[in-house]
Amino acid sequence: LRQDIGVFFQVAMEDPKTGELDLSGMVIQDPHVKSLVEIYDEFADRVEKVRSYKDEKLEETRSLVKCLPYFLLHTFVDLLGYLSYELNLDLTRFGLPKDAFGSVMITNVGSLGLEEAYVPLVPYSRVPLLLALGKVQDEAVVVDKTVKIVSLMRIFATFDHRILDGAHAAKMSELVKKYIENPYMYFDDLS
């Protein structure tokens, strides 16, 4: 159980040595008390730091993980999950952030060219809800009994059924749809 809201965003980045795609991430804490502009500015700043390897706390954690032999990595990550979430220990003195994955995880698979994806739960993160944002594309839809071409983005959700049941997920889905379709009614003005 968490007392705070944190949204973890997957960040796609290129490995500087191999040029291969790598995934990292960052958390926006307390988004419910921030304006959209504040969230956007923090998001842009943090993503830039992550991609340029200038996020000091993340780099401390990455350095620690890189020191481990590969065959111990799975055990180490499971142990960290247990210590951090089951025992609720503060491991920040060891260079490990508290609640590093927040309470919901979002990945933009659309930036990778994917229209849809179902992302798996990440057990050691203890995140009960994961959202995958698909590629924005033009599609024919019926609007007021007329076929129109509109830009659509699909959102795919994976949730831990031990925490969230189908009825709650359906209600949440309705709210998300309503908020995204009518952003000026529910969010602050961006002008």
C-alpha atoms as a PDB file:
ATOM      1  CA  LEU A   1       0.000   0.000   0.000  1.00  0.00           C
ATOM      2  CA  ARG A   2       1.228   3.456  -0.840  1.00  0.00           C
ATOM      3  CA  GLN A   3       0.495   6.752   0.854  1.00  0.00           C
ATOM      4  CA  ASP A   4       1.590   8.773  -2.200  1.00  0.00           C
ATOM      5  CA  ILE A   5       0.885   8.782  -5.929  1.00  0.00           C
ATOM      6  CA  GLY A   6       3.803   8.333  -8.282  1.00  0.00           C
ATOM      7  CA  VAL A   7       3.637   7.745 -12.034  1.00  0.00           C
ATOM      8  CA  PHE A   8       6.552   5.793 -13.518  1.00  0.00           C
ATOM      9  CA  PHE A   9       7.275   6.506 -17.173  1.00  0.00           C
ATOM     10  CA  GLN A  10       9.334   4.124 -19.249  1.00  0.00           C
ATOM     11  CA  VAL A  11      12.020   6.030 -21.144  1.00  0.00           C
ATOM     12  CA  ALA A  12      13.436   4.577 -24.365  1.00  0.00           C
ATOM     13  CA  MET A  13      17.097   5.420 -24.797  1.00  0.00           C
ATOM     14  CA  GLU A  14      20.022   4.337 -26.892  1.00  0.00           C
ATOM     15  CA  ASP A  15      22.942   2.533 -25.287  1.00  0.00           C
ATOM     16  CA  PRO A  16      25.963   4.790 -25.984  1.00  0.00           C
ATOM     17  CA  LYS A  17      28.331   1.849 -26.486  1.00  0.00           C
ATOM     18  CA  THR A  18      26.219  -0.588 -28.513  1.00  0.00           C
ATOM     19  CA  GLY A  19      23.611   1.746 -30.040  1.00  0.00           C
ATOM     20  CA  GLU A  20      20.917  -0.737 -28.988  1.00  0.00           C
ATOM     21  CA  LEU A  21      17.561   0.271 -27.532  1.00  0.00           C
ATOM     22  CA  ASP A  22      17.537   0.319 -23.767  1.00  0.00           C
ATOM     23  CA  LEU A  23      14.692   1.072 -21.365  1.00  0.00           C
ATOM     24  CA  SER A  24      15.002   3.092 -18.232  1.00  0.00           C
ATOM     25  CA  GLY A  25      12.513   5.268 -16.444  1.00  0.00           C
ATOM     26  CA  MET A  26      11.610   8.016 -14.057  1.00  0.00           C
ATOM     27  CA  VAL A  27       8.821   8.855 -11.638  1.00  0.00           C
ATOM     28  CA  ILE A  28       6.676  11.970 -11.403  1.00  0.00           C
ATOM     29  CA  GLN A  29       5.623  12.219  -7.759  1.00  0.00           C
ATOM     30  CA  ASP A  30       2.301  13.742  -6.651  1.00  0.00           C
ATOM     31  CA  PRO A  31       0.887  14.525 -10.123  1.00  0.00           C
ATOM     32  CA  HIS A  32      -2.567  15.061  -8.599  1.00  0.00           C
ATOM     33  CA  VAL A  33      -1.399  18.335  -7.000  1.00  0.00           C
ATOM     34  CA  LYS A  34       0.446  19.670 -10.069  1.00  0.00           C
ATOM     35  CA  SER A  35      -0.826  21.538 -13.099  1.00  0.00           C
ATOM     36  CA  LEU A  36      -0.438  20.025 -16.566  1.00  0.00           C
ATOM     37  CA  VAL A  37       2.268  22.587 -17.315  1.00  0.00           C
ATOM     38  CA  GLU A  38       4.190  21.607 -14.169  1.00  0.00           C
ATOM     39  CA  ILE A  39       3.881  17.917 -15.053  1.00  0.00           C
ATOM     40  CA  TYR A  40       4.991  18.547 -18.646  1.00  0.00           C
ATOM     41  CA  ASP A  41       7.987  20.665 -17.594  1.00  0.00           C
ATOM     42  CA  GLU A  42       9.102  18.135 -14.982  1.00  0.00           C
ATOM     43  CA  PHE A  43       8.565  15.265 -17.425  1.00  0.00           C
ATOM     44  CA  ALA A  44      10.598  16.925 -20.211  1.00  0.00           C
ATOM     45  CA  ASP A  45      13.420  17.835 -17.819  1.00  0.00           C
ATOM     46  CA  ARG A  46      13.590  14.362 -16.254  1.00  0.00           C
ATOM     47  CA  VAL A  47      13.443  12.505 -19.586  1.00  0.00           C
ATOM     48  CA  GLU A  48      16.305  14.636 -20.912  1.00  0.00           C
ATOM     49  CA  LYS A  49      18.378  13.834 -17.806  1.00  0.00           C
ATOM     50  CA  VAL A  50      17.649  10.104 -18.087  1.00  0.00           C
ATOM     51  CA  ARG A  51      18.495   9.977 -21.816  1.00  0.00           C
ATOM     52  CA  SER A  52      21.716  11.947 -21.353  1.00  0.00           C
ATOM     53  CA  TYR A  53      22.752   9.837 -18.321  1.00  0.00           C
ATOM     54  CA  LYS A  54      22.653  12.921 -16.052  1.00  0.00           C
ATOM     55  CA  ASP A  55      20.023  11.741 -13.554  1.00  0.00           C
ATOM     56  CA  GLU A  56      22.371  11.287 -10.579  1.00  0.00           C
ATOM     57  CA  LYS A  57      20.162   8.978  -8.505  1.00  0.00           C
ATOM     58  CA  LEU A  58      19.341   6.769 -11.479  1.00  0.00           C
ATOM     59  CA  GLU A  59      22.999   6.567 -12.468  1.00  0.00           C
ATOM     60  CA  GLU A  60      23.936   5.526  -8.917  1.00  0.00           C
ATOM     61  CA  THR A  61      21.427   2.681  -9.134  1.00  0.00           C
ATOM     62  CA  ARG A  62      22.545   1.693 -12.655  1.00  0.00           C
ATOM     63  CA  SER A  63      26.193   1.621 -11.499  1.00  0.00           C
ATOM     64  CA  LEU A  64      25.283  -0.632  -8.592  1.00  0.00           C
ATOM     65  CA  VAL A  65      23.370  -3.032 -10.838  1.00  0.00           C
ATOM     66  CA  LYS A  66      26.174  -3.104 -13.447  1.00  0.00           C
ATOM     67  CA  CYS A  67      28.613  -4.318 -10.756  1.00  0.00           C
ATOM     68  CA  LEU A  68      26.589  -7.481 -10.219  1.00  0.00           C
ATOM     69  CA  PRO A  69      27.327 -10.689 -12.086  1.00  0.00           C
ATOM     70  CA  TYR A  70      24.501 -11.387 -14.534  1.00  0.00           C
ATOM     71  CA  PHE A  71      23.518 -14.674 -12.850  1.00  0.00           C
ATOM     72  CA  LEU A  72      22.828 -12.796  -9.566  1.00  0.00           C
ATOM     73  CA  LEU A  73      20.741 -10.021 -11.113  1.00  0.00           C
ATOM     74  CA  HIS A  74      17.343 -11.761 -10.836  1.00  0.00           C
ATOM     75  CA  THR A  75      17.941 -12.730  -7.201  1.00  0.00           C
ATOM     76  CA  PHE A  76      19.191  -9.226  -6.374  1.00  0.00           C
ATOM     77  CA  VAL A  77      16.134  -7.557  -7.923  1.00  0.00           C
ATOM     78  CA  ASP A  78      13.766  -9.931  -6.093  1.00  0.00           C
ATOM     79  CA  LEU A  79      15.588  -9.238  -2.820  1.00  0.00           C
ATOM     80  CA  LEU A  80      15.327  -5.480  -3.379  1.00  0.00           C
ATOM     81  CA  GLY A  81      11.589  -5.815  -4.047  1.00  0.00           C
ATOM     82  CA  TYR A  82      11.176  -7.783  -0.832  1.00  0.00           C
ATOM     83  CA  LEU A  83      13.224  -5.363   1.280  1.00  0.00           C
ATOM     84  CA  SER A  84      11.646  -2.248  -0.229  1.00  0.00           C
ATOM     85  CA  TYR A  85       8.011  -3.277  -0.463  1.00  0.00           C
ATOM     86  CA  GLU A  86       7.399  -6.189   1.898  1.00  0.00           C
ATOM     87  CA  LEU A  87       9.567  -4.892   4.748  1.00  0.00           C
ATOM     88  CA  ASN A  88       9.179  -1.214   3.710  1.00  0.00           C
ATOM     89  CA  LEU A  89      12.861  -0.491   4.370  1.00  0.00           C
ATOM     90  CA  ASP A  90      14.383   2.795   3.246  1.00  0.00           C
ATOM     91  CA  LEU A  91      17.374   1.832   1.073  1.00  0.00           C
ATOM     92  CA  THR A  92      18.235   5.360  -0.065  1.00  0.00           C
ATOM     93  CA  ARG A  93      21.516   5.291   1.892  1.00  0.00           C
ATOM     94  CA  PHE A  94      22.605   2.502  -0.477  1.00  0.00           C
ATOM     95  CA  GLY A  95      21.804   4.594  -3.552  1.00  0.00           C
ATOM     96  CA  LEU A  96      18.425   2.964  -4.145  1.00  0.00           C
ATOM     97  CA  PRO A  97      15.361   5.213  -4.457  1.00  0.00           C
ATOM     98  CA  LYS A  98      12.300   4.729  -2.268  1.00  0.00           C
ATOM     99  CA  ASP A  99       9.360   3.403  -4.301  1.00  0.00           C
ATOM    100  CA  ALA A 100      11.342   3.616  -7.532  1.00  0.00           C
ATOM    101  CA  PHE A 101       8.416   2.527  -9.715  1.00  0.00           C
ATOM    102  CA  GLY A 102       5.523   4.574  -8.330  1.00  0.00           C
ATOM    103  CA  SER A 103       1.936   3.392  -8.218  1.00  0.00           C
ATOM    104  CA  VAL A 104       1.257   3.170 -11.963  1.00  0.00           C
ATOM    105  CA  MET A 105       3.620   2.501 -14.864  1.00  0.00           C
ATOM    106  CA  ILE A 106       3.165   4.062 -18.320  1.00  0.00           C
ATOM    107  CA  THR A 107       5.001   3.041 -21.455  1.00  0.00           C
ATOM    108  CA  ASN A 108       4.622   4.749 -24.817  1.00  0.00           C
ATOM    109  CA  VAL A 109       4.869   1.837 -27.243  1.00  0.00           C
ATOM    110  CA  GLY A 110       3.626   4.182 -29.968  1.00  0.00           C
ATOM    111  CA  SER A 111       7.040   5.863 -29.968  1.00  0.00           C
ATOM    112  CA  LEU A 112       8.432   2.474 -30.993  1.00  0.00           C
ATOM    113  CA  GLY A 113       5.949   2.282 -33.886  1.00  0.00           C
ATOM    114  CA  LEU A 114       3.566  -0.143 -32.181  1.00  0.00           C
ATOM    115  CA  GLU A 115      -0.183   0.351 -32.464  1.00  0.00           C
ATOM    116  CA  GLU A 116      -0.907  -1.935 -29.525  1.00  0.00           C
ATOM    117  CA  ALA A 117       0.837  -3.840 -26.777  1.00  0.00           C
ATOM    118  CA  TYR A 118      -0.060  -5.628 -23.602  1.00  0.00           C
ATOM    119  CA  VAL A 119       2.724  -5.151 -21.111  1.00  0.00           C
ATOM    120  CA  PRO A 120       3.386  -7.724 -18.394  1.00  0.00           C
ATOM    121  CA  LEU A 121       3.254  -7.042 -14.691  1.00  0.00           C
ATOM    122  CA  VAL A 122       6.704  -6.415 -13.230  1.00  0.00           C
ATOM    123  CA  PRO A 123       6.560  -8.383  -9.951  1.00  0.00           C
ATOM    124  CA  TYR A 124       9.543  -6.797  -8.181  1.00  0.00           C
ATOM    125  CA  SER A 125       8.145  -3.270  -8.792  1.00  0.00           C
ATOM    126  CA  ARG A 126       4.870  -3.977  -6.946  1.00  0.00           C
ATOM    127  CA  VAL A 127       3.086  -1.731  -9.483  1.00  0.00           C
ATOM    128  CA  PRO A 128      -0.524  -2.916  -9.814  1.00  0.00           C
ATOM    129  CA  LEU A 129      -1.395  -1.031 -13.023  1.00  0.00           C
ATOM    130  CA  LEU A 130       0.494  -0.661 -16.297  1.00  0.00           C
ATOM    131  CA  LEU A 131      -0.651   1.392 -19.274  1.00  0.00           C
ATOM    132  CA  ALA A 132       0.681   1.094 -22.818  1.00  0.00           C
ATOM    133  CA  LEU A 133      -0.003   4.018 -25.151  1.00  0.00           C
ATOM    134  CA  GLY A 134      -0.238   2.997 -28.798  1.00  0.00           C
ATOM    135  CA  LYS A 135       0.806   4.850 -31.933  1.00  0.00           C
ATOM    136  CA  VAL A 136      -1.489   7.701 -32.999  1.00  0.00           C
ATOM    137  CA  GLN A 137      -2.995   6.921 -36.393  1.00  0.00           C
ATOM    138  CA  ASP A 138      -5.813   8.066 -38.627  1.00  0.00           C
ATOM    139  CA  GLU A 139      -8.841   5.775 -38.742  1.00  0.00           C
ATOM    140  CA  ALA A 140     -12.370   5.871 -40.098  1.00  0.00           C
ATOM    141  CA  VAL A 141     -14.970   6.117 -37.333  1.00  0.00           C
ATOM    142  CA  VAL A 142     -18.658   6.933 -37.147  1.00  0.00           C
ATOM    143  CA  VAL A 143     -19.340  10.361 -35.596  1.00  0.00           C
ATOM    144  CA  ASP A 144     -22.971  11.510 -35.453  1.00  0.00           C
ATOM    145  CA  LYS A 145     -23.940   8.833 -38.013  1.00  0.00           C
ATOM    146  CA  THR A 146     -21.270  10.062 -40.457  1.00  0.00           C
ATOM    147  CA  VAL A 147     -17.997   8.306 -41.285  1.00  0.00           C
ATOM    148  CA  LYS A 148     -15.049  10.592 -40.536  1.00  0.00           C
ATOM    149  CA  ILE A 149     -11.291  10.195 -40.480  1.00  0.00           C
ATOM    150  CA  VAL A 150      -9.975  10.953 -36.991  1.00  0.00           C
ATOM    151  CA  SER A 151      -6.688  10.512 -35.155  1.00  0.00           C
ATOM    152  CA  LEU A 152      -6.889   7.696 -32.608  1.00  0.00           C
ATOM    153  CA  MET A 153      -4.576   6.395 -29.940  1.00  0.00           C
ATOM    154  CA  ARG A 154      -5.419   3.235 -28.079  1.00  0.00           C
ATOM    155  CA  ILE A 155      -4.522   2.698 -24.451  1.00  0.00           C
ATOM    156  CA  PHE A 156      -3.937  -0.844 -23.219  1.00  0.00           C
ATOM    157  CA  ALA A 157      -4.043  -1.743 -19.540  1.00  0.00           C
ATOM    158  CA  THR A 158      -2.608  -4.583 -17.538  1.00  0.00           C
ATOM    159  CA  PHE A 159      -3.590  -4.764 -13.895  1.00  0.00           C
ATOM    160  CA  ASP A 160      -2.953  -6.969 -10.928  1.00  0.00           C
ATOM    161  CA  HIS A 161      -6.272  -8.659 -10.258  1.00  0.00           C
ATOM    162  CA  ARG A 162      -5.346  -9.097  -6.596  1.00  0.00           C
ATOM    163  CA  ILE A 163      -5.589  -5.313  -6.208  1.00  0.00           C
ATOM    164  CA  LEU A 164      -8.045  -4.175  -8.867  1.00  0.00           C
ATOM    165  CA  ASP A 165     -11.054  -6.173 -10.051  1.00  0.00           C
ATOM    166  CA  GLY A 166     -12.786  -5.955 -13.416  1.00  0.00           C
ATOM    167  CA  ALA A 167     -15.618  -3.708 -12.184  1.00  0.00           C
ATOM    168  CA  HIS A 168     -13.147  -1.140 -10.837  1.00  0.00           C
ATOM    169  CA  ALA A 169     -11.078  -1.374 -14.024  1.00  0.00           C
ATOM    170  CA  ALA A 170     -14.186  -0.740 -16.174  1.00  0.00           C
ATOM    171  CA  LYS A 171     -15.100   2.327 -14.108  1.00  0.00           C
ATOM    172  CA  MET A 172     -11.525   3.618 -14.359  1.00  0.00           C
ATOM    173  CA  SER A 173     -11.550   3.030 -18.115  1.00  0.00           C
ATOM    174  CA  GLU A 174     -14.736   5.103 -18.486  1.00  0.00           C
ATOM    175  CA  LEU A 175     -13.184   7.956 -16.502  1.00  0.00           C
ATOM    176  CA  VAL A 176      -9.935   7.912 -18.470  1.00  0.00           C
ATOM    177  CA  LYS A 177     -11.870   7.964 -21.753  1.00  0.00           C
ATOM    178  CA  LYS A 178     -14.045  10.860 -20.586  1.00  0.00           C
ATOM    179  CA  TYR A 179     -11.022  12.878 -19.391  1.00  0.00           C
ATOM    180  CA  ILE A 180      -9.026  12.306 -22.577  1.00  0.00           C
ATOM    181  CA  GLU A 181     -11.962  13.069 -24.885  1.00  0.00           C
ATOM    182  CA  ASN A 182     -12.781  16.289 -22.989  1.00  0.00           C
ATOM    183  CA  PRO A 183      -9.463  17.550 -21.588  1.00  0.00           C
ATOM    184  CA  TYR A 184     -10.483  21.216 -21.318  1.00  0.00           C
ATOM    185  CA  MET A 185     -13.403  20.252 -19.107  1.00  0.00           C
ATOM    186  CA  TYR A 186     -11.249  18.354 -16.600  1.00  0.00           C
ATOM    187  CA  PHE A 187      -7.714  19.760 -16.781  1.00  0.00           C
ATOM    188  CA  ASP A 188      -6.277  23.225 -16.343  1.00  0.00           C
ATOM    189  CA  ASP A 189      -5.986  25.589 -19.273  1.00  0.00           C
ATOM    190  CA  LEU A 190      -2.703  25.281 -21.175  1.00  0.00           C
ATOM    191  CA  SER A 191      -2.793  28.755 -22.725  1.00  0.00           C
END
